[in-house]
């Protein structure tokens, strides 16, 4: 599951929405709670929706609620929330190390090789 979490703000947005499933979230509200730009919050909500972790509100455009796409996904998110609460620093480092590896792989793709 952790390998599916692209960033710490993504995880924190997910856990924030999970904490109150009945709450309807707009990007402005999420931005204020996470101390990010509204555009970033909007992207986070869209990414969470694409991941099947939240869903658009039925009658309000631009609004999202925590609604995992399956009971199994909900259980995995619950386990992740528990893990994050107990091992915040370790989980954060794991997410960042994954991002660092991806960035390095991307950079390596552009290195000029001696034999080229």
C-alpha atoms as a PDB file:
ATOM      1  CA  UNK A   1       0.000   0.000   0.000  1.00  0.00           C
ATOM      2  CA  UNK A   2       2.779   2.447   0.848  1.00  0.00           C
ATOM      3  CA  UNK A   3       4.207   2.084  -2.635  1.00  0.00           C
ATOM      4  CA  UNK A   4       0.892   3.458  -3.948  1.00  0.00           C
ATOM      5  CA  UNK A   5       1.201   6.650  -1.898  1.00  0.00           C
ATOM      6  CA  UNK A   6       2.924   9.229  -4.117  1.00  0.00           C
ATOM      7  CA  UNK A   7       3.590  11.891  -1.479  1.00  0.00           C
ATOM      8  CA  UNK A   8       3.178  12.849   2.152  1.00  0.00           C
ATOM      9  CA  UNK A   9       0.532  15.501   1.309  1.00  0.00           C
ATOM     10  CA  UNK A  10      -1.439  12.783  -0.541  1.00  0.00           C
ATOM     11  CA  UNK A  11      -1.299  10.572   2.558  1.00  0.00           C
ATOM     12  CA  UNK A  12      -2.216  13.395   4.905  1.00  0.00           C
ATOM     13  CA  UNK A  13      -5.159  14.421   2.705  1.00  0.00           C
ATOM     14  CA  UNK A  14      -6.353  10.815   2.618  1.00  0.00           C
ATOM     15  CA  UNK A  15      -6.137  10.459   6.385  1.00  0.00           C
ATOM     16  CA  UNK A  16      -7.826  13.806   6.938  1.00  0.00           C
ATOM     17  CA  UNK A  17     -10.795  12.810   4.792  1.00  0.00           C
ATOM     18  CA  UNK A  18     -10.880   9.368   6.419  1.00  0.00           C
ATOM     19  CA  UNK A  19     -11.099  10.949   9.885  1.00  0.00           C
ATOM     20  CA  UNK A  20     -14.595  12.287   9.097  1.00  0.00           C
ATOM     21  CA  UNK A  21     -16.224  10.351   6.246  1.00  0.00           C
ATOM     22  CA  UNK A  22     -19.423  12.427   6.397  1.00  0.00           C
ATOM     23  CA  UNK A  23     -17.529  15.698   5.867  1.00  0.00           C
ATOM     24  CA  UNK A  24     -17.757  17.196   2.380  1.00  0.00           C
ATOM     25  CA  UNK A  25     -14.397  18.569   1.256  1.00  0.00           C
ATOM     26  CA  UNK A  26     -13.668  21.326  -1.252  1.00  0.00           C
ATOM     27  CA  UNK A  27     -10.171  22.228  -2.358  1.00  0.00           C
ATOM     28  CA  UNK A  28     -10.235  25.526  -0.438  1.00  0.00           C
ATOM     29  CA  UNK A  29     -11.064  23.755   2.816  1.00  0.00           C
ATOM     30  CA  UNK A  30      -8.422  21.066   2.269  1.00  0.00           C
ATOM     31  CA  UNK A  31      -5.828  23.700   1.371  1.00  0.00           C
ATOM     32  CA  UNK A  32      -6.421  25.497   4.659  1.00  0.00           C
ATOM     33  CA  UNK A  33      -6.145  22.300   6.694  1.00  0.00           C
ATOM     34  CA  UNK A  34      -2.980  21.049   4.965  1.00  0.00           C
ATOM     35  CA  UNK A  35      -1.329  24.461   4.528  1.00  0.00           C
ATOM     36  CA  UNK A  36      -0.981  24.011   0.777  1.00  0.00           C
ATOM     37  CA  UNK A  37      -2.154  26.052  -2.190  1.00  0.00           C
ATOM     38  CA  UNK A  38      -5.719  25.564  -3.309  1.00  0.00           C
ATOM     39  CA  UNK A  39      -4.534  24.278  -6.674  1.00  0.00           C
ATOM     40  CA  UNK A  40      -2.420  21.635  -4.891  1.00  0.00           C
ATOM     41  CA  UNK A  41      -5.409  20.648  -2.758  1.00  0.00           C
ATOM     42  CA  UNK A  42      -7.570  20.347  -5.867  1.00  0.00           C
ATOM     43  CA  UNK A  43      -4.992  18.063  -7.476  1.00  0.00           C
ATOM     44  CA  UNK A  44      -4.797  15.960  -4.302  1.00  0.00           C
ATOM     45  CA  UNK A  45      -8.572  15.501  -4.260  1.00  0.00           C
ATOM     46  CA  UNK A  46      -8.599  14.509  -7.932  1.00  0.00           C
ATOM     47  CA  UNK A  47      -5.705  12.079  -7.393  1.00  0.00           C
ATOM     48  CA  UNK A  48      -7.455  10.519  -4.394  1.00  0.00           C
ATOM     49  CA  UNK A  49     -10.596  10.162  -6.489  1.00  0.00           C
ATOM     50  CA  UNK A  50      -8.687   8.489  -9.346  1.00  0.00           C
ATOM     51  CA  UNK A  51      -7.134   6.125  -6.794  1.00  0.00           C
ATOM     52  CA  UNK A  52     -10.613   5.075  -5.676  1.00  0.00           C
ATOM     53  CA  UNK A  53     -10.128   6.376  -2.139  1.00  0.00           C
ATOM     54  CA  UNK A  54     -12.586   9.272  -2.251  1.00  0.00           C
ATOM     55  CA  UNK A  55     -15.614  10.005  -4.419  1.00  0.00           C
ATOM     56  CA  UNK A  56     -17.333  13.140  -5.633  1.00  0.00           C
ATOM     57  CA  UNK A  57     -20.278  14.316  -3.545  1.00  0.00           C
ATOM     58  CA  UNK A  58     -23.590  13.461  -5.139  1.00  0.00           C
ATOM     59  CA  UNK A  59     -25.028  16.969  -5.356  1.00  0.00           C
ATOM     60  CA  UNK A  60     -22.125  19.408  -5.067  1.00  0.00           C
ATOM     61  CA  UNK A  61     -19.587  19.935  -7.859  1.00  0.00           C
ATOM     62  CA  UNK A  62     -15.959  20.153  -6.734  1.00  0.00           C
ATOM     63  CA  UNK A  63     -16.812  18.379  -3.501  1.00  0.00           C
ATOM     64  CA  UNK A  64     -15.380  15.046  -2.336  1.00  0.00           C
ATOM     65  CA  UNK A  65     -15.936  12.606   0.513  1.00  0.00           C
ATOM     66  CA  UNK A  66     -13.942   9.690   1.851  1.00  0.00           C
ATOM     67  CA  UNK A  67     -15.401   6.620   0.177  1.00  0.00           C
ATOM     68  CA  UNK A  68     -12.999   3.752  -0.613  1.00  0.00           C
ATOM     69  CA  UNK A  69     -13.908   1.828  -3.737  1.00  0.00           C
ATOM     70  CA  UNK A  70     -14.009  -1.509  -1.895  1.00  0.00           C
ATOM     71  CA  UNK A  71     -14.114  -2.839   1.662  1.00  0.00           C
ATOM     72  CA  UNK A  72     -10.617  -4.287   1.156  1.00  0.00           C
ATOM     73  CA  UNK A  73      -9.235  -0.883   0.187  1.00  0.00           C
ATOM     74  CA  UNK A  74     -10.919   0.644   3.241  1.00  0.00           C
ATOM     75  CA  UNK A  75      -9.271  -1.971   5.464  1.00  0.00           C
ATOM     76  CA  UNK A  76      -5.861  -1.279   3.920  1.00  0.00           C
ATOM     77  CA  UNK A  77      -6.319   2.464   4.443  1.00  0.00           C
ATOM     78  CA  UNK A  78      -7.308   1.797   8.073  1.00  0.00           C
ATOM     79  CA  UNK A  79      -4.135  -0.257   8.548  1.00  0.00           C
ATOM     80  CA  UNK A  80      -2.084   2.491   6.904  1.00  0.00           C
ATOM     81  CA  UNK A  81      -3.622   5.108   9.219  1.00  0.00           C
ATOM     82  CA  UNK A  82      -2.675   3.001  12.244  1.00  0.00           C
ATOM     83  CA  UNK A  83       0.842   2.465  10.930  1.00  0.00           C
ATOM     84  CA  UNK A  84       1.288   6.182  10.205  1.00  0.00           C
ATOM     85  CA  UNK A  85       0.061   7.114  13.696  1.00  0.00           C
ATOM     86  CA  UNK A  86       2.634   4.830  15.296  1.00  0.00           C
ATOM     87  CA  UNK A  87       5.538   5.297  12.877  1.00  0.00           C
ATOM     88  CA  UNK A  88       5.097   8.745  11.332  1.00  0.00           C
ATOM     89  CA  UNK A  89       8.788   9.443  10.771  1.00  0.00           C
ATOM     90  CA  UNK A  90       9.541   6.019   9.295  1.00  0.00           C
ATOM     91  CA  UNK A  91       6.557   6.140   6.920  1.00  0.00           C
ATOM     92  CA  UNK A  92       7.471   9.655   5.829  1.00  0.00           C
ATOM     93  CA  UNK A  93      11.064   8.589   5.142  1.00  0.00           C
ATOM     94  CA  UNK A  94       9.832   5.584   3.168  1.00  0.00           C
ATOM     95  CA  UNK A  95       7.626   7.761   0.971  1.00  0.00           C
ATOM     96  CA  UNK A  96      10.453  10.249   0.401  1.00  0.00           C
ATOM     97  CA  UNK A  97      12.980   7.506  -0.368  1.00  0.00           C
ATOM     98  CA  UNK A  98      10.605   6.097  -2.962  1.00  0.00           C
ATOM     99  CA  UNK A  99      10.322   9.550  -4.557  1.00  0.00           C
ATOM    100  CA  UNK A 100      14.114   9.946  -4.470  1.00  0.00           C
ATOM    101  CA  UNK A 101      14.568   6.581  -6.227  1.00  0.00           C
ATOM    102  CA  UNK A 102      12.068   7.546  -8.930  1.00  0.00           C
ATOM    103  CA  UNK A 103      13.782  10.897  -9.446  1.00  0.00           C
ATOM    104  CA  UNK A 104      17.187   9.202  -9.686  1.00  0.00           C
ATOM    105  CA  UNK A 105      15.878   6.648 -12.205  1.00  0.00           C
ATOM    106  CA  UNK A 106      14.476   9.503 -14.284  1.00  0.00           C
ATOM    107  CA  UNK A 107      17.777  11.378 -14.119  1.00  0.00           C
ATOM    108  CA  UNK A 108      19.732   8.228 -14.974  1.00  0.00           C
ATOM    109  CA  UNK A 109      17.700   7.834 -18.149  1.00  0.00           C
ATOM    110  CA  UNK A 110      19.301  11.034 -19.440  1.00  0.00           C
ATOM    111  CA  UNK A 111      22.902  10.342 -18.487  1.00  0.00           C
ATOM    112  CA  UNK A 112      25.293  10.111 -21.373  1.00  0.00           C
ATOM    113  CA  UNK A 113      26.975   6.755 -21.333  1.00  0.00           C
ATOM    114  CA  UNK A 114      30.645   6.385 -22.176  1.00  0.00           C
ATOM    115  CA  UNK A 115      29.866   3.698 -24.730  1.00  0.00           C
ATOM    116  CA  UNK A 116      27.229   5.827 -26.556  1.00  0.00           C
END
